[in-house]
Amino acid sequence: MSGARSMSKSAIWLAVGAGLLLVIGANAHLVYVALTSQPECVAHLGPGEGDAHSGSFSAAQSACSPQPQESGADQE
């Protein structure tokens, strides 16, 4: 009886260890993706430009700085 009991205990600990490795691996993958991906800024409405009635909302604060506009002096 003691042999079966220790086998079931070891099976439980093996399952717990496998579950922990799975969770650690998934979290490591999420951290890797978060650190290596750098999405580009996309066009969006500026703060205060959105209209809730039309269903278009604007960001509260943009993380992207606006691109410098080309001046007319450069073009001939």
C-alpha atoms as a PDB file:
ATOM      1  CA  MET A   1       0.000   0.000   0.000  1.00  0.00           C
ATOM      2  CA  SER A   2       2.862   2.331   0.783  1.00  0.00           C
ATOM      3  CA  GLY A   3       4.370   1.848  -2.708  1.00  0.00           C
ATOM      4  CA  ALA A   4       1.159   2.927  -4.442  1.00  0.00           C
ATOM      5  CA  ARG A   5       0.851   5.921  -2.161  1.00  0.00           C
ATOM      6  CA  SER A   6       4.388   7.144  -2.888  1.00  0.00           C
ATOM      7  CA  MET A   7       3.824   6.620  -6.624  1.00  0.00           C
ATOM      8  CA  SER A   8       0.702   8.775  -6.589  1.00  0.00           C
ATOM      9  CA  LYS A   9       2.519  11.429  -4.543  1.00  0.00           C
ATOM     10  CA  SER A  10       5.369  11.497  -7.034  1.00  0.00           C
ATOM     11  CA  ALA A  11       2.885  11.712  -9.922  1.00  0.00           C
ATOM     12  CA  ILE A  12       1.222  14.704  -8.252  1.00  0.00           C
ATOM     13  CA  TRP A  13       4.571  16.438  -7.701  1.00  0.00           C
ATOM     14  CA  LEU A  14       5.557  15.707 -11.282  1.00  0.00           C
ATOM     15  CA  ALA A  15       2.296  17.262 -12.528  1.00  0.00           C
ATOM     16  CA  VAL A  16       2.784  20.318 -10.275  1.00  0.00           C
ATOM     17  CA  GLY A  17       6.353  20.749 -11.555  1.00  0.00           C
ATOM     18  CA  ALA A  18       5.224  20.440 -15.179  1.00  0.00           C
ATOM     19  CA  GLY A  19       2.481  23.010 -14.564  1.00  0.00           C
ATOM     20  CA  LEU A  20       4.966  25.435 -13.005  1.00  0.00           C
ATOM     21  CA  LEU A  21       7.358  25.007 -15.934  1.00  0.00           C
ATOM     22  CA  LEU A  22       4.502  25.711 -18.335  1.00  0.00           C
ATOM     23  CA  VAL A  23       3.519  28.918 -16.506  1.00  0.00           C
ATOM     24  CA  ILE A  24       7.139  30.091 -16.248  1.00  0.00           C
ATOM     25  CA  GLY A  25       7.723  29.364 -19.934  1.00  0.00           C
ATOM     26  CA  ALA A  26       4.583  31.233 -20.992  1.00  0.00           C
ATOM     27  CA  ASN A  27       5.516  34.263 -18.895  1.00  0.00           C
ATOM     28  CA  ALA A  28       9.075  34.233 -20.239  1.00  0.00           C
ATOM     29  CA  HIS A  29       7.671  34.225 -23.773  1.00  0.00           C
ATOM     30  CA  LEU A  30       5.387  37.183 -23.000  1.00  0.00           C
ATOM     31  CA  VAL A  31       8.294  39.165 -21.532  1.00  0.00           C
ATOM     32  CA  TYR A  32      10.444  38.338 -24.580  1.00  0.00           C
ATOM     33  CA  VAL A  33       7.746  39.496 -27.013  1.00  0.00           C
ATOM     34  CA  ALA A  34       7.107  42.676 -25.007  1.00  0.00           C
ATOM     35  CA  LEU A  35      10.786  43.585 -24.989  1.00  0.00           C
ATOM     36  CA  THR A  36      11.566  42.775 -28.622  1.00  0.00           C
ATOM     37  CA  SER A  37       8.510  44.157 -30.394  1.00  0.00           C
ATOM     38  CA  GLN A  38       8.343  47.866 -31.077  1.00  0.00           C
ATOM     39  CA  PRO A  39       5.137  48.747 -32.889  1.00  0.00           C
ATOM     40  CA  GLU A  40       5.294  51.827 -35.053  1.00  0.00           C
ATOM     41  CA  CYS A  41       3.113  54.815 -34.322  1.00  0.00           C
ATOM     42  CA  VAL A  42      -0.116  54.747 -36.283  1.00  0.00           C
ATOM     43  CA  ALA A  43      -2.287  57.596 -37.495  1.00  0.00           C
ATOM     44  CA  HIS A  44      -4.969  58.460 -34.977  1.00  0.00           C
ATOM     45  CA  LEU A  45      -7.087  61.360 -33.832  1.00  0.00           C
ATOM     46  CA  GLY A  46      -5.284  63.843 -31.648  1.00  0.00           C
ATOM     47  CA  PRO A  47      -6.426  64.653 -28.110  1.00  0.00           C
ATOM     48  CA  GLY A  48      -9.755  66.481 -28.233  1.00  0.00           C
ATOM     49  CA  GLU A  49     -10.397  65.723 -31.926  1.00  0.00           C
ATOM     50  CA  GLY A  50     -12.736  62.781 -31.317  1.00  0.00           C
ATOM     51  CA  ASP A  51     -16.512  62.980 -31.500  1.00  0.00           C
ATOM     52  CA  ALA A  52     -18.363  60.527 -29.279  1.00  0.00           C
ATOM     53  CA  HIS A  53     -21.583  60.958 -31.270  1.00  0.00           C
ATOM     54  CA  SER A  54     -19.961  59.698 -34.481  1.00  0.00           C
ATOM     55  CA  GLY A  55     -18.211  56.875 -32.616  1.00  0.00           C
ATOM     56  CA  SER A  56     -14.675  58.173 -33.202  1.00  0.00           C
ATOM     57  CA  PHE A  57     -12.664  58.620 -30.054  1.00  0.00           C
ATOM     58  CA  SER A  58      -9.210  60.076 -29.551  1.00  0.00           C
ATOM     59  CA  ALA A  59      -6.369  59.005 -27.307  1.00  0.00           C
ATOM     60  CA  ALA A  60      -6.135  60.784 -23.979  1.00  0.00           C
ATOM     61  CA  GLN A  61      -2.411  61.318 -24.511  1.00  0.00           C
ATOM     62  CA  SER A  62      -0.293  60.186 -27.436  1.00  0.00           C
ATOM     63  CA  ALA A  63       2.896  58.243 -26.821  1.00  0.00           C
ATOM     64  CA  CYS A  64       4.142  59.228 -30.275  1.00  0.00           C
ATOM     65  CA  SER A  65       5.573  62.627 -30.982  1.00  0.00           C
ATOM     66  CA  PRO A  66       4.188  64.303 -34.104  1.00  0.00           C
ATOM     67  CA  GLN A  67       6.275  64.019 -37.256  1.00  0.00           C
ATOM     68  CA  PRO A  68       7.835  67.292 -38.437  1.00  0.00           C
ATOM     69  CA  GLN A  69       5.967  68.682 -41.422  1.00  0.00           C
ATOM     70  CA  GLU A  70       7.842  69.537 -44.567  1.00  0.00           C
ATOM     71  CA  SER A  71       8.052  73.266 -45.164  1.00  0.00           C
ATOM     72  CA  GLY A  72       7.197  74.823 -48.519  1.00  0.00           C
ATOM     73  CA  ALA A  73      10.715  76.358 -48.744  1.00  0.00           C
ATOM     74  CA  ASP A  74      12.269  72.969 -49.477  1.00  0.00           C
ATOM     75  CA  GLN A  75      10.078  72.455 -52.510  1.00  0.00           C
ATOM     76  CA  GLU A  76      10.815  74.385 -55.703  1.00  0.00           C
END
